[in-house]
Amino acid sequence: MTRPAVLDDTSEWIADAVSMIRAYAASGLSFTAEDIRRSMRTPPHDNTMGIAFRAARSLGVITTVGYKESTEPSRRGGLIRVWSRS
């Protein structure tokens, strides 16, 4: 049985995002989800970015090092996590 295309795209996007998160973490610099979002294609669903970060954290790739105000207009200055290599 084949999987619906939307699930394949979501799984592929998450794998790509975790790879991008690994690359940012390997740089030793801190980063946010906004940095990852600017570096990738649009996620298939609004929650997909969070799934990728949760996976990267569970794998021990990243850890939270702080919080800052979002620069995305849609977030209206809401707080977002700042991440770095674990």
Foldseek 3Di string as FASTA:
>chain_A
DDDPPLVVLLVVVLVVLLVVLLVQQVVQDKDFLVVSCVVDDHHSDPCSSVVSVVVNVVVQQKDFDAWFFDPDVVSVRDITTIMHGD
